[in-house]
Amino acid sequence: MGTMDGELFPRTRAEVAPGAVHVPHWLDARTQRTLLDACRAWARPPAGLRTVRTPGGGTMTARQVCLGWHWYPYGYARTVVDGDGAPVKPFPARLGELGRRAAADALGTRAASGAAYDIALVNFYDGDARMGMHRDSDEESDAPVVSLSLGDTCVFRFGNPGTRARPYTDVELRSGDLFVFGGQSRLAYHGVPRVHAGTAPPELGLTGRLNITLRVSGR
C-alpha cells in the first residue's frame, strides 16, 4: 500500500495564503518520469546545471539550470552570464501549456488567462541543500508563479510580501505536488529550509529533489 492510500488524513488542496494554493498529487507518475528525463537532458552542458553565486560572495546550495531566459541574481539574460557563457536553452512549448493548466487548476481560469510562460528555473537539491527566504521579483509580469516538485519531500516555507520573518506557513511538498502563487501573494517571500533525504518515490529513480519553477518574464 502506497503512502497516498495509507494516510490517516489524505492530503487535500489548500489555500496557504490569498492567491497561494497547494495541490497535492497534481502530476501523475508517468508525467513525473517524463519531466525527470527532460530535466536530465537540460542539466547537461552547455548551459547546464550550475552553482549560483550570490552578490555577497556566497553560493546557493541548490544548483540550477534555466530555460528560455537565464536568471542570475537581480536579472535575466539570454546567455549564461555567470557560467559558461553559452546561450540559454530554449523554453519548451509543452512547459508553457503545463504552466497555464497548473495556474488555471490552482487559481481559476481567469488567473491564468493570457499568461505566456516563457521561463523555467530548474533547481536541484541534494539532502543538504536549502533555499533562503527570497521573492521572485525580477520579472516584469505579475502572472502567477508555478512550482512543480519531483523526488524528495521538502519543507516549503511560504511567507508574506513584507518581510522574510513571520507570518509564514510551512508546507510539505512531495513528488508530484503543485504550488502556485499569484495575486496578493505574487511577491511573498518563500524558501526551502529542509529537504528530507531518501523520501522520493522509489519508482521515480531520483536521489534528491528537483523543483521546476515556471514564470512569465513580461519581456
N, C-alpha and C. Protein backbone atom coordinates (compact mmCIF):
# COMPACT_ATOMS: atom_id res chain seq x y z
N MET A 1 0.85 -1.20 0.00
CA MET A 1 0.00 0.00 0.00
C MET A 1 0.88 1.24 0.00
N GLY A 2 0.67 2.16 -0.94
CA GLY A 2 1.47 3.37 -1.00
C GLY A 2 1.06 4.35 0.08
N THR A 3 1.92 5.35 0.31
CA THR A 3 1.62 6.33 1.36
C THR A 3 0.34 7.07 1.06
N MET A 4 0.06 7.29 -0.22
CA MET A 4 -1.15 8.05 -0.58
C MET A 4 -2.40 7.30 -0.11
N ASP A 5 -2.38 5.97 -0.23
CA ASP A 5 -3.56 5.19 0.14
C ASP A 5 -3.63 4.99 1.64
N GLY A 6 -2.46 4.93 2.30
CA GLY A 6 -2.43 4.53 3.69
C GLY A 6 -2.45 5.66 4.69
N GLU A 7 -2.64 6.89 4.22
CA GLU A 7 -2.57 8.00 5.15
C GLU A 7 -3.85 8.15 5.96
N LEU A 8 -3.66 8.50 7.22
CA LEU A 8 -4.80 8.71 8.11
C LEU A 8 -5.62 9.92 7.62
N PHE A 9 -4.92 10.98 7.28
CA PHE A 9 -5.59 12.18 6.78
C PHE A 9 -5.08 12.45 5.37
N PRO A 10 -5.83 12.06 4.35
CA PRO A 10 -5.38 12.30 2.98
C PRO A 10 -5.11 13.79 2.75
N ARG A 11 -4.07 14.09 2.02
CA ARG A 11 -3.71 15.49 1.76
C ARG A 11 -4.68 16.06 0.73
N THR A 12 -5.17 17.24 1.03
CA THR A 12 -6.13 17.88 0.12
C THR A 12 -5.61 19.27 -0.27
N ARG A 13 -6.17 19.77 -1.34
CA ARG A 13 -5.83 21.10 -1.84
C ARG A 13 -6.05 22.13 -0.73
N ALA A 14 -5.12 23.11 -0.62
CA ALA A 14 -5.23 24.10 0.45
C ALA A 14 -4.77 25.46 -0.04
N GLU A 15 -5.52 26.50 0.34
CA GLU A 15 -5.06 27.88 0.09
C GLU A 15 -4.24 28.30 1.30
N VAL A 16 -2.94 28.44 1.09
CA VAL A 16 -1.99 28.70 2.17
C VAL A 16 -1.99 30.18 2.54
N ALA A 17 -2.21 31.02 1.54
CA ALA A 17 -2.31 32.48 1.72
C ALA A 17 -3.18 32.95 0.55
N PRO A 18 -3.68 34.21 0.59
CA PRO A 18 -4.52 34.66 -0.53
C PRO A 18 -3.77 34.56 -1.86
N GLY A 19 -4.28 33.75 -2.79
CA GLY A 19 -3.63 33.58 -4.08
C GLY A 19 -2.50 32.57 -4.11
N ALA A 20 -2.30 31.85 -3.00
CA ALA A 20 -1.24 30.82 -2.92
C ALA A 20 -1.89 29.48 -2.61
N VAL A 21 -1.81 28.54 -3.55
CA VAL A 21 -2.55 27.28 -3.43
C VAL A 21 -1.63 26.08 -3.61
N HIS A 22 -1.77 25.11 -2.72
CA HIS A 22 -1.04 23.84 -2.78
C HIS A 22 -2.00 22.75 -3.26
N VAL A 23 -1.62 22.08 -4.36
CA VAL A 23 -2.43 20.98 -4.89
C VAL A 23 -1.59 19.70 -4.84
N PRO A 24 -1.86 18.82 -3.86
CA PRO A 24 -1.09 17.57 -3.78
C PRO A 24 -1.38 16.64 -4.96
N HIS A 25 -0.42 15.79 -5.29
CA HIS A 25 -0.58 14.73 -6.30
C HIS A 25 -1.02 15.27 -7.66
N TRP A 26 -0.56 16.47 -8.04
CA TRP A 26 -1.05 17.05 -9.30
C TRP A 26 -0.45 16.35 -10.52
N LEU A 27 0.80 15.96 -10.42
CA LEU A 27 1.47 15.25 -11.52
C LEU A 27 1.37 13.75 -11.30
N ASP A 28 0.89 13.01 -12.29
CA ASP A 28 0.85 11.56 -12.13
C ASP A 28 2.26 10.99 -12.33
N ALA A 29 2.42 9.69 -12.02
CA ALA A 29 3.74 9.05 -12.02
C ALA A 29 4.41 9.13 -13.38
N ARG A 30 3.63 8.94 -14.45
CA ARG A 30 4.21 8.96 -15.80
C ARG A 30 4.72 10.36 -16.15
N THR A 31 3.94 11.40 -15.81
CA THR A 31 4.37 12.77 -16.10
C THR A 31 5.61 13.13 -15.30
N GLN A 32 5.67 12.67 -14.04
CA GLN A 32 6.87 12.91 -13.23
C GLN A 32 8.10 12.31 -13.89
N ARG A 33 7.96 11.09 -14.39
CA ARG A 33 9.07 10.39 -15.04
C ARG A 33 9.51 11.14 -16.30
N THR A 34 8.54 11.59 -17.10
CA THR A 34 8.83 12.34 -18.33
C THR A 34 9.57 13.63 -18.01
N LEU A 35 9.10 14.34 -16.97
CA LEU A 35 9.76 15.59 -16.57
C LEU A 35 11.17 15.33 -16.06
N LEU A 36 11.35 14.25 -15.29
CA LEU A 36 12.68 13.91 -14.78
C LEU A 36 13.65 13.65 -15.94
N ASP A 37 13.21 12.88 -16.93
CA ASP A 37 14.05 12.61 -18.10
C ASP A 37 14.43 13.91 -18.81
N ALA A 38 13.46 14.81 -18.92
CA ALA A 38 13.73 16.11 -19.56
C ALA A 38 14.74 16.92 -18.73
N CYS A 39 14.58 16.91 -17.41
CA CYS A 39 15.50 17.66 -16.53
C CYS A 39 16.93 17.14 -16.69
N ARG A 40 17.06 15.82 -16.84
CA ARG A 40 18.41 15.25 -17.00
C ARG A 40 19.06 15.74 -18.29
N ALA A 41 18.25 15.88 -19.34
CA ALA A 41 18.78 16.40 -20.60
C ALA A 41 19.13 17.89 -20.47
N TRP A 42 18.25 18.66 -19.83
CA TRP A 42 18.51 20.10 -19.66
C TRP A 42 19.75 20.35 -18.81
N ALA A 43 20.04 19.45 -17.87
CA ALA A 43 21.15 19.66 -16.93
C ALA A 43 22.53 19.47 -17.58
N ARG A 44 22.56 18.87 -18.76
CA ARG A 44 23.86 18.64 -19.42
C ARG A 44 24.39 19.94 -20.01
N PRO A 45 25.72 20.11 -20.00
CA PRO A 45 26.29 21.28 -20.67
C PRO A 45 26.14 21.16 -22.18
N PRO A 46 26.23 22.28 -22.93
CA PRO A 46 26.43 23.65 -22.43
C PRO A 46 25.17 24.22 -21.78
N ALA A 47 25.35 25.33 -21.08
CA ALA A 47 24.24 25.99 -20.35
C ALA A 47 23.52 24.99 -19.46
N GLY A 48 24.29 24.14 -18.80
CA GLY A 48 23.72 23.09 -17.96
C GLY A 48 23.61 23.50 -16.50
N LEU A 49 23.50 22.49 -15.63
CA LEU A 49 23.35 22.72 -14.19
C LEU A 49 24.55 23.48 -13.66
N ARG A 50 24.30 24.55 -12.91
CA ARG A 50 25.40 25.36 -12.41
C ARG A 50 25.19 25.71 -10.95
N THR A 51 26.28 26.12 -10.31
CA THR A 51 26.22 26.66 -8.95
C THR A 51 26.03 28.17 -9.07
N VAL A 52 25.02 28.69 -8.38
CA VAL A 52 24.70 30.12 -8.46
C VAL A 52 25.46 30.87 -7.37
N ARG A 53 26.18 31.89 -7.80
CA ARG A 53 26.91 32.73 -6.83
C ARG A 53 26.04 33.93 -6.46
N THR A 54 25.99 34.22 -5.19
CA THR A 54 25.16 35.33 -4.71
C THR A 54 26.00 36.61 -4.68
N PRO A 55 25.35 37.79 -4.75
CA PRO A 55 26.11 39.05 -4.78
C PRO A 55 27.04 39.22 -3.58
N GLY A 56 26.69 38.60 -2.45
CA GLY A 56 27.53 38.73 -1.25
C GLY A 56 28.78 37.86 -1.29
N GLY A 57 28.94 37.06 -2.37
CA GLY A 57 30.13 36.23 -2.47
C GLY A 57 29.92 34.79 -2.06
N GLY A 58 28.72 34.46 -1.62
CA GLY A 58 28.43 33.08 -1.25
C GLY A 58 27.92 32.29 -2.46
N THR A 59 27.51 31.06 -2.21
CA THR A 59 26.92 30.24 -3.28
C THR A 59 25.63 29.63 -2.77
N MET A 60 24.68 29.44 -3.68
CA MET A 60 23.44 28.74 -3.33
C MET A 60 23.74 27.24 -3.26
N THR A 61 23.14 26.57 -2.28
CA THR A 61 23.40 25.13 -2.15
C THR A 61 22.58 24.32 -3.15
N ALA A 62 21.46 24.86 -3.61
CA ALA A 62 20.72 24.21 -4.69
C ALA A 62 21.37 24.63 -6.01
N ARG A 63 21.58 23.67 -6.90
CA ARG A 63 22.14 24.01 -8.22
C ARG A 63 21.00 24.22 -9.21
N GLN A 64 21.29 24.93 -10.30
CA GLN A 64 20.20 25.42 -11.13
C GLN A 64 20.53 25.37 -12.62
N VAL A 65 19.50 25.11 -13.43
CA VAL A 65 19.58 25.29 -14.87
C VAL A 65 18.35 26.08 -15.31
N CYS A 66 18.51 26.96 -16.29
CA CYS A 66 17.42 27.82 -16.74
C CYS A 66 17.04 27.51 -18.18
N LEU A 67 15.78 27.72 -18.51
CA LEU A 67 15.27 27.57 -19.87
C LEU A 67 14.55 28.86 -20.26
N GLY A 68 14.72 29.28 -21.52
CA GLY A 68 14.02 30.46 -22.03
C GLY A 68 14.76 31.75 -21.76
N TRP A 69 14.89 32.10 -20.50
CA TRP A 69 15.71 33.23 -20.06
C TRP A 69 16.63 32.70 -18.96
N HIS A 70 17.86 33.21 -18.92
CA HIS A 70 18.80 32.80 -17.88
C HIS A 70 18.68 33.76 -16.70
N TRP A 71 18.30 33.20 -15.53
CA TRP A 71 18.23 34.03 -14.33
C TRP A 71 19.56 34.04 -13.61
N TYR A 72 19.95 35.22 -13.14
CA TYR A 72 21.08 35.36 -12.21
C TYR A 72 20.64 36.41 -11.20
N PRO A 73 21.27 36.51 -10.04
CA PRO A 73 20.73 37.42 -9.02
C PRO A 73 20.45 38.83 -9.56
N TYR A 74 19.19 39.21 -9.49
CA TYR A 74 18.66 40.52 -9.86
C TYR A 74 18.52 40.76 -11.36
N GLY A 75 18.57 39.71 -12.17
CA GLY A 75 18.40 39.98 -13.59
C GLY A 75 18.19 38.74 -14.44
N TYR A 76 17.92 38.98 -15.72
CA TYR A 76 17.77 37.92 -16.72
C TYR A 76 18.65 38.24 -17.92
N ALA A 77 19.13 37.20 -18.58
CA ALA A 77 19.94 37.37 -19.79
C ALA A 77 19.60 36.23 -20.75
N ARG A 78 20.07 36.34 -21.98
CA ARG A 78 19.85 35.29 -22.97
C ARG A 78 21.02 34.30 -23.02
N THR A 79 22.10 34.61 -22.28
CA THR A 79 23.23 33.69 -22.18
C THR A 79 23.55 33.47 -20.71
N VAL A 80 24.32 32.42 -20.44
CA VAL A 80 24.67 32.08 -19.05
C VAL A 80 25.82 33.00 -18.62
N VAL A 81 25.46 34.22 -18.26
CA VAL A 81 26.46 35.26 -17.98
C VAL A 81 27.33 34.93 -16.77
N ASP A 82 26.78 34.14 -15.84
CA ASP A 82 27.56 33.81 -14.63
C ASP A 82 28.02 32.35 -14.67
N GLY A 83 28.10 31.79 -15.89
CA GLY A 83 28.54 30.40 -16.03
C GLY A 83 29.41 30.25 -17.26
N ASP A 84 29.03 29.34 -18.15
CA ASP A 84 29.88 29.06 -19.32
C ASP A 84 29.65 30.01 -20.49
N GLY A 85 28.73 30.98 -20.34
CA GLY A 85 28.52 31.98 -21.39
C GLY A 85 27.70 31.49 -22.57
N ALA A 86 27.27 30.22 -22.53
CA ALA A 86 26.52 29.65 -23.65
C ALA A 86 25.11 30.24 -23.71
N PRO A 87 24.47 30.22 -24.89
CA PRO A 87 23.07 30.66 -24.97
C PRO A 87 22.19 29.78 -24.08
N VAL A 88 21.21 30.40 -23.44
CA VAL A 88 20.30 29.65 -22.58
C VAL A 88 19.50 28.66 -23.44
N LYS A 89 19.18 27.51 -22.88
CA LYS A 89 18.40 26.51 -23.63
C LYS A 89 16.98 27.05 -23.87
N PRO A 90 16.36 26.64 -24.99
CA PRO A 90 15.02 27.16 -25.29
C PRO A 90 13.97 26.67 -24.29
N PHE A 91 12.92 27.47 -24.16
CA PHE A 91 11.80 27.11 -23.28
C PHE A 91 10.82 26.26 -24.09
N PRO A 92 10.56 25.01 -23.67
CA PRO A 92 9.68 24.13 -24.45
C PRO A 92 8.21 24.56 -24.35
N ALA A 93 7.53 24.54 -25.49
CA ALA A 93 6.11 24.92 -25.53
C ALA A 93 5.28 24.08 -24.56
N ARG A 94 5.65 22.80 -24.39
CA ARG A 94 4.84 21.94 -23.51
C ARG A 94 4.92 22.39 -22.05
N LEU A 95 6.03 23.04 -21.66
CA LEU A 95 6.10 23.59 -20.30
C LEU A 95 5.18 24.80 -20.18
N GLY A 96 5.06 25.57 -21.25
CA GLY A 96 4.14 26.70 -21.23
C GLY A 96 2.70 26.25 -21.05
N GLU A 97 2.35 25.17 -21.75
CA GLU A 97 0.99 24.61 -21.62
C GLU A 97 0.77 24.08 -20.20
N LEU A 98 1.79 23.40 -19.67
CA LEU A 98 1.71 22.86 -18.31
C LEU A 98 1.52 23.99 -17.30
N GLY A 99 2.25 25.09 -17.50
CA GLY A 99 2.15 26.24 -16.61
C GLY A 99 0.76 26.85 -16.60
N ARG A 100 0.19 27.04 -17.81
CA ARG A 100 -1.16 27.62 -17.89
C ARG A 100 -2.20 26.70 -17.25
N ARG A 101 -2.06 25.40 -17.49
CA ARG A 101 -3.01 24.45 -16.92
C ARG A 101 -2.89 24.42 -15.39
N ALA A 102 -1.66 24.48 -14.90
CA ALA A 102 -1.43 24.47 -13.45
C ALA A 102 -2.04 25.71 -12.79
N ALA A 103 -1.79 26.88 -13.39
CA ALA A 103 -2.32 28.12 -12.82
C ALA A 103 -3.85 28.11 -12.84
N ALA A 104 -4.42 27.60 -13.93
CA ALA A 104 -5.89 27.54 -14.04
C ALA A 104 -6.46 26.56 -13.01
N ASP A 105 -5.82 25.40 -12.85
CA ASP A 105 -6.31 24.41 -11.88
C ASP A 105 -6.24 24.95 -10.45
N ALA A 106 -5.18 25.69 -10.15
CA ALA A 106 -4.98 26.15 -8.78
C ALA A 106 -5.77 27.41 -8.46
N LEU A 107 -5.79 28.36 -9.40
CA LEU A 107 -6.35 29.69 -9.11
C LEU A 107 -7.58 30.05 -9.93
N GLY A 108 -7.95 29.19 -10.90
CA GLY A 108 -9.09 29.50 -11.76
C GLY A 108 -8.61 30.03 -13.10
N THR A 109 -9.44 29.85 -14.11
CA THR A 109 -9.03 30.18 -15.49
C THR A 109 -8.71 31.65 -15.67
N ARG A 110 -9.36 32.52 -14.90
CA ARG A 110 -9.10 33.96 -15.07
C ARG A 110 -7.66 34.31 -14.71
N ALA A 111 -7.16 33.67 -13.64
CA ALA A 111 -5.79 33.95 -13.18
C ALA A 111 -4.76 33.55 -14.23
N ALA A 112 -5.09 32.53 -15.03
CA ALA A 112 -4.12 32.01 -15.99
C ALA A 112 -4.30 32.60 -17.38
N SER A 113 -5.38 33.34 -17.61
CA SER A 113 -5.64 33.82 -18.97
C SER A 113 -4.56 34.80 -19.40
N GLY A 114 -4.04 34.58 -20.58
CA GLY A 114 -3.01 35.46 -21.12
C GLY A 114 -1.63 35.26 -20.53
N ALA A 115 -1.47 34.28 -19.63
CA ALA A 115 -0.16 34.04 -19.03
C ALA A 115 0.70 33.25 -20.01
N ALA A 116 1.67 33.92 -20.63
CA ALA A 116 2.54 33.25 -21.61
C ALA A 116 3.84 32.85 -20.91
N TYR A 117 3.83 31.69 -20.29
CA TYR A 117 5.01 31.23 -19.56
C TYR A 117 6.18 31.07 -20.52
N ASP A 118 7.33 31.65 -20.14
CA ASP A 118 8.49 31.61 -21.03
C ASP A 118 9.82 31.44 -20.28
N ILE A 119 9.75 31.18 -18.98
CA ILE A 119 10.94 30.94 -18.17
C ILE A 119 10.73 29.69 -17.33
N ALA A 120 11.74 28.84 -17.28
CA ALA A 120 11.75 27.74 -16.30
C ALA A 120 13.08 27.80 -15.54
N LEU A 121 12.99 27.76 -14.23
CA LEU A 121 14.16 27.59 -13.37
C LEU A 121 14.06 26.20 -12.77
N VAL A 122 15.04 25.36 -13.04
CA VAL A 122 15.06 24.00 -12.50
C VAL A 122 16.12 23.96 -11.42
N ASN A 123 15.71 23.78 -10.18
CA ASN A 123 16.63 23.72 -9.05
C ASN A 123 16.79 22.28 -8.59
N PHE A 124 18.04 21.86 -8.41
CA PHE A 124 18.32 20.52 -7.88
C PHE A 124 18.84 20.64 -6.46
N TYR A 125 18.17 19.96 -5.54
CA TYR A 125 18.56 19.94 -4.13
C TYR A 125 19.05 18.55 -3.76
N ASP A 126 20.28 18.46 -3.23
CA ASP A 126 20.63 17.19 -2.59
C ASP A 126 20.14 17.27 -1.14
N GLY A 127 20.43 16.27 -0.34
CA GLY A 127 19.87 16.21 1.02
C GLY A 127 20.26 17.37 1.91
N ASP A 128 21.39 18.03 1.62
CA ASP A 128 21.87 19.12 2.47
C ASP A 128 21.52 20.50 1.93
N ALA A 129 20.90 20.55 0.76
CA ALA A 129 20.64 21.86 0.14
C ALA A 129 19.47 22.58 0.82
N ARG A 130 19.52 23.89 0.74
CA ARG A 130 18.48 24.76 1.29
C ARG A 130 18.24 25.89 0.30
N MET A 131 17.19 26.67 0.56
CA MET A 131 16.98 27.91 -0.20
C MET A 131 16.49 28.96 0.79
N GLY A 132 17.24 30.05 0.91
CA GLY A 132 16.86 31.10 1.85
C GLY A 132 15.59 31.81 1.41
N MET A 133 15.00 32.56 2.32
CA MET A 133 13.78 33.30 2.00
C MET A 133 14.09 34.40 0.98
N HIS A 134 13.29 34.42 -0.09
CA HIS A 134 13.52 35.37 -1.18
C HIS A 134 12.20 35.64 -1.88
N ARG A 135 12.18 36.66 -2.72
CA ARG A 135 11.00 36.96 -3.53
C ARG A 135 11.35 36.79 -5.01
N ASP A 136 10.39 36.36 -5.81
CA ASP A 136 10.58 36.26 -7.26
C ASP A 136 10.17 37.60 -7.86
N SER A 137 11.11 38.55 -7.87
CA SER A 137 10.73 39.93 -8.22
C SER A 137 11.50 40.48 -9.42
N ASP A 138 12.21 39.61 -10.17
CA ASP A 138 12.99 40.09 -11.30
C ASP A 138 12.21 40.02 -12.62
N GLU A 139 10.94 39.62 -12.56
CA GLU A 139 10.11 39.54 -13.76
C GLU A 139 9.36 40.87 -13.95
N GLU A 140 8.95 41.10 -15.20
CA GLU A 140 8.16 42.31 -15.49
C GLU A 140 6.70 41.92 -15.73
N SER A 141 6.25 40.92 -15.01
CA SER A 141 4.87 40.42 -15.12
C SER A 141 4.41 40.00 -13.74
N ASP A 142 3.11 40.18 -13.48
CA ASP A 142 2.57 39.72 -12.19
C ASP A 142 1.79 38.41 -12.35
N ALA A 143 2.03 37.70 -13.47
CA ALA A 143 1.38 36.40 -13.67
C ALA A 143 1.82 35.43 -12.57
N PRO A 144 0.95 34.48 -12.19
CA PRO A 144 1.28 33.56 -11.11
C PRO A 144 2.54 32.74 -11.39
N VAL A 145 3.28 32.45 -10.33
CA VAL A 145 4.44 31.55 -10.39
C VAL A 145 3.94 30.13 -10.15
N VAL A 146 4.42 29.19 -10.97
CA VAL A 146 4.02 27.78 -10.87
C VAL A 146 5.23 26.97 -10.42
N SER A 147 5.07 26.17 -9.37
CA SER A 147 6.16 25.36 -8.85
C SER A 147 5.76 23.89 -8.83
N LEU A 148 6.59 23.05 -9.46
CA LEU A 148 6.35 21.60 -9.53
C LEU A 148 7.48 20.87 -8.81
N SER A 149 7.14 19.87 -8.02
CA SER A 149 8.13 19.14 -7.23
C SER A 149 8.30 17.71 -7.72
N LEU A 150 9.56 17.28 -7.79
CA LEU A 150 9.90 15.89 -8.13
C LEU A 150 10.92 15.37 -7.13
N GLY A 151 10.77 14.09 -6.72
CA GLY A 151 11.78 13.47 -5.88
C GLY A 151 11.52 13.65 -4.39
N ASP A 152 12.58 13.97 -3.65
CA ASP A 152 12.48 14.05 -2.19
C ASP A 152 11.47 15.09 -1.73
N THR A 153 10.82 14.78 -0.62
CA THR A 153 9.91 15.71 0.06
C THR A 153 10.72 16.86 0.66
N CYS A 154 10.15 18.06 0.65
CA CYS A 154 10.83 19.19 1.29
C CYS A 154 9.83 19.95 2.18
N VAL A 155 10.39 20.78 3.05
CA VAL A 155 9.61 21.77 3.78
C VAL A 155 9.69 23.06 2.97
N PHE A 156 8.54 23.54 2.50
CA PHE A 156 8.47 24.78 1.72
C PHE A 156 7.87 25.84 2.63
N ARG A 157 8.64 26.87 2.90
CA ARG A 157 8.18 27.93 3.81
C ARG A 157 7.62 29.08 2.98
N PHE A 158 6.32 29.35 3.14
CA PHE A 158 5.68 30.40 2.35
C PHE A 158 5.26 31.54 3.27
N GLY A 159 5.80 32.72 3.00
CA GLY A 159 5.60 33.85 3.89
C GLY A 159 4.67 34.91 3.36
N ASN A 160 5.10 36.15 3.50
CA ASN A 160 4.27 37.31 3.17
C ASN A 160 5.11 38.28 2.33
N PRO A 161 4.47 39.25 1.65
CA PRO A 161 5.23 40.15 0.78
C PRO A 161 6.10 41.17 1.52
N GLY A 162 5.86 41.37 2.82
CA GLY A 162 6.52 42.47 3.53
C GLY A 162 7.84 42.15 4.18
N THR A 163 8.02 40.90 4.63
CA THR A 163 9.19 40.58 5.44
C THR A 163 9.57 39.12 5.29
N ARG A 164 10.88 38.83 5.48
CA ARG A 164 11.35 37.44 5.45
C ARG A 164 10.91 36.68 6.71
N ALA A 165 10.49 37.42 7.72
CA ALA A 165 10.14 36.80 9.01
C ALA A 165 8.67 36.38 9.02
N ARG A 166 8.18 35.95 10.16
CA ARG A 166 6.78 35.56 10.29
C ARG A 166 5.86 36.74 9.97
N PRO A 167 4.62 36.52 9.57
CA PRO A 167 3.97 35.20 9.49
C PRO A 167 4.37 34.42 8.24
N TYR A 168 4.61 33.14 8.43
CA TYR A 168 4.80 32.23 7.30
C TYR A 168 4.18 30.89 7.65
N THR A 169 3.98 30.07 6.62
CA THR A 169 3.40 28.73 6.79
C THR A 169 4.36 27.72 6.18
N ASP A 170 4.64 26.65 6.91
CA ASP A 170 5.46 25.57 6.37
C ASP A 170 4.56 24.51 5.75
N VAL A 171 4.84 24.20 4.47
CA VAL A 171 4.05 23.24 3.71
C VAL A 171 4.96 22.09 3.30
N GLU A 172 4.48 20.87 3.42
CA GLU A 172 5.25 19.72 2.96
C GLU A 172 4.96 19.51 1.47
N LEU A 173 5.98 19.64 0.65
CA LEU A 173 5.84 19.40 -0.78
C LEU A 173 6.47 18.06 -1.12
N ARG A 174 5.66 17.17 -1.70
CA ARG A 174 6.13 15.84 -2.10
C ARG A 174 6.23 15.74 -3.61
N SER A 175 6.80 14.67 -4.08
CA SER A 175 6.94 14.43 -5.51
C SER A 175 5.56 14.45 -6.16
N GLY A 176 5.41 15.26 -7.20
CA GLY A 176 4.13 15.36 -7.91
C GLY A 176 3.27 16.51 -7.45
N ASP A 177 3.65 17.20 -6.38
CA ASP A 177 2.85 18.30 -5.86
C ASP A 177 3.02 19.57 -6.70
N LEU A 178 1.95 20.36 -6.69
CA LEU A 178 1.92 21.65 -7.37
C LEU A 178 1.73 22.75 -6.32
N PHE A 179 2.46 23.85 -6.49
CA PHE A 179 2.22 25.02 -5.65
C PHE A 179 2.22 26.23 -6.59
N VAL A 180 1.16 27.04 -6.52
CA VAL A 180 1.02 28.21 -7.38
C VAL A 180 0.81 29.43 -6.50
N PHE A 181 1.52 30.54 -6.81
CA PHE A 181 1.25 31.77 -6.06
C PHE A 181 1.19 32.97 -6.99
N GLY A 182 0.10 33.72 -6.83
CA GLY A 182 -0.14 34.92 -7.63
C GLY A 182 -0.95 35.91 -6.83
N GLY A 183 -1.49 36.91 -7.51
CA GLY A 183 -2.34 37.89 -6.83
C GLY A 183 -1.62 38.56 -5.68
N GLN A 184 -2.28 38.62 -4.51
CA GLN A 184 -1.69 39.27 -3.34
C GLN A 184 -0.41 38.60 -2.88
N SER A 185 -0.23 37.33 -3.22
CA SER A 185 0.94 36.57 -2.76
C SER A 185 2.05 36.47 -3.81
N ARG A 186 1.90 37.17 -4.94
CA ARG A 186 2.87 37.02 -6.03
C ARG A 186 4.29 37.37 -5.57
N LEU A 187 4.42 38.38 -4.70
CA LEU A 187 5.76 38.80 -4.26
C LEU A 187 6.04 38.39 -2.81
N ALA A 188 5.38 37.34 -2.36
CA ALA A 188 5.63 36.85 -1.00
C ALA A 188 7.00 36.19 -0.90
N TYR A 189 7.64 36.37 0.23
CA TYR A 189 8.91 35.68 0.50
C TYR A 189 8.64 34.18 0.68
N HIS A 190 9.58 33.37 0.19
CA HIS A 190 9.43 31.92 0.32
C HIS A 190 10.81 31.27 0.25
N GLY A 191 10.92 30.07 0.78
CA GLY A 191 12.20 29.37 0.77
C GLY A 191 12.03 27.91 1.12
N VAL A 192 13.14 27.19 1.14
CA VAL A 192 13.14 25.76 1.46
C VAL A 192 14.15 25.54 2.59
N PRO A 193 13.68 25.48 3.85
CA PRO A 193 14.62 25.29 4.96
C PRO A 193 15.12 23.85 5.12
N ARG A 194 14.42 22.88 4.50
CA ARG A 194 14.80 21.49 4.75
C ARG A 194 14.36 20.58 3.63
N VAL A 195 15.22 19.63 3.29
CA VAL A 195 14.87 18.55 2.36
C VAL A 195 14.99 17.24 3.13
N HIS A 196 13.98 16.38 3.01
CA HIS A 196 14.02 15.08 3.69
C HIS A 196 14.63 14.05 2.74
N ALA A 197 15.92 13.80 2.92
CA ALA A 197 16.64 12.91 2.00
C ALA A 197 16.05 11.50 2.04
N GLY A 198 16.03 10.87 0.87
CA GLY A 198 15.60 9.47 0.79
C GLY A 198 14.10 9.26 0.79
N THR A 199 13.33 10.33 0.58
CA THR A 199 11.86 10.21 0.63
C THR A 199 11.23 10.18 -0.77
N ALA A 200 12.04 10.23 -1.82
CA ALA A 200 11.49 10.21 -3.18
C ALA A 200 10.81 8.87 -3.46
N PRO A 201 9.77 8.85 -4.31
CA PRO A 201 9.16 7.57 -4.67
C PRO A 201 10.22 6.67 -5.33
N PRO A 202 10.41 5.44 -4.83
CA PRO A 202 11.49 4.59 -5.37
C PRO A 202 11.38 4.38 -6.88
N GLU A 203 10.15 4.30 -7.38
CA GLU A 203 9.97 4.02 -8.81
C GLU A 203 10.40 5.20 -9.70
N LEU A 204 10.56 6.39 -9.12
CA LEU A 204 10.97 7.55 -9.93
C LEU A 204 12.46 7.45 -10.29
N GLY A 205 13.25 6.88 -9.40
CA GLY A 205 14.68 6.73 -9.69
C GLY A 205 15.46 8.03 -9.56
N LEU A 206 15.09 8.86 -8.59
CA LEU A 206 15.77 10.14 -8.37
C LEU A 206 16.25 10.21 -6.93
N THR A 207 17.53 10.53 -6.76
CA THR A 207 18.08 10.82 -5.43
C THR A 207 18.19 12.33 -5.33
N GLY A 208 17.46 12.93 -4.40
CA GLY A 208 17.44 14.38 -4.28
C GLY A 208 16.08 14.93 -4.70
N ARG A 209 16.00 16.25 -4.80
CA ARG A 209 14.75 16.91 -5.15
C ARG A 209 14.97 17.82 -6.35
N LEU A 210 14.04 17.78 -7.29
CA LEU A 210 14.01 18.73 -8.39
C LEU A 210 12.78 19.61 -8.24
N ASN A 211 12.98 20.90 -8.40
CA ASN A 211 11.87 21.85 -8.39
C ASN A 211 11.88 22.59 -9.73
N ILE A 212 10.76 22.52 -10.44
CA ILE A 212 10.64 23.24 -11.71
C ILE A 212 9.72 24.43 -11.47
N THR A 213 10.28 25.63 -11.56
CA THR A 213 9.51 26.86 -11.36
C THR A 213 9.27 27.51 -12.71
N LEU A 214 8.01 27.77 -13.02
CA LEU A 214 7.63 28.39 -14.29
C LEU A 214 7.18 29.83 -14.04
N ARG A 215 7.69 30.74 -14.84
CA ARG A 215 7.38 32.16 -14.66
C ARG A 215 7.10 32.82 -16.00
N VAL A 216 6.46 33.97 -15.96
CA VAL A 216 6.24 34.79 -17.15
C VAL A 216 7.19 35.98 -17.05
N SER A 217 8.06 36.15 -18.05
CA SER A 217 9.07 37.22 -17.96
C SER A 217 8.44 38.61 -18.13
N GLY A 218 7.42 38.72 -18.99
CA GLY A 218 6.87 40.03 -19.31
C GLY A 218 7.79 40.84 -20.21
N ARG A 219 8.82 40.20 -20.73
CA ARG A 219 9.81 40.91 -21.57
C ARG A 219 9.49 40.77 -23.03
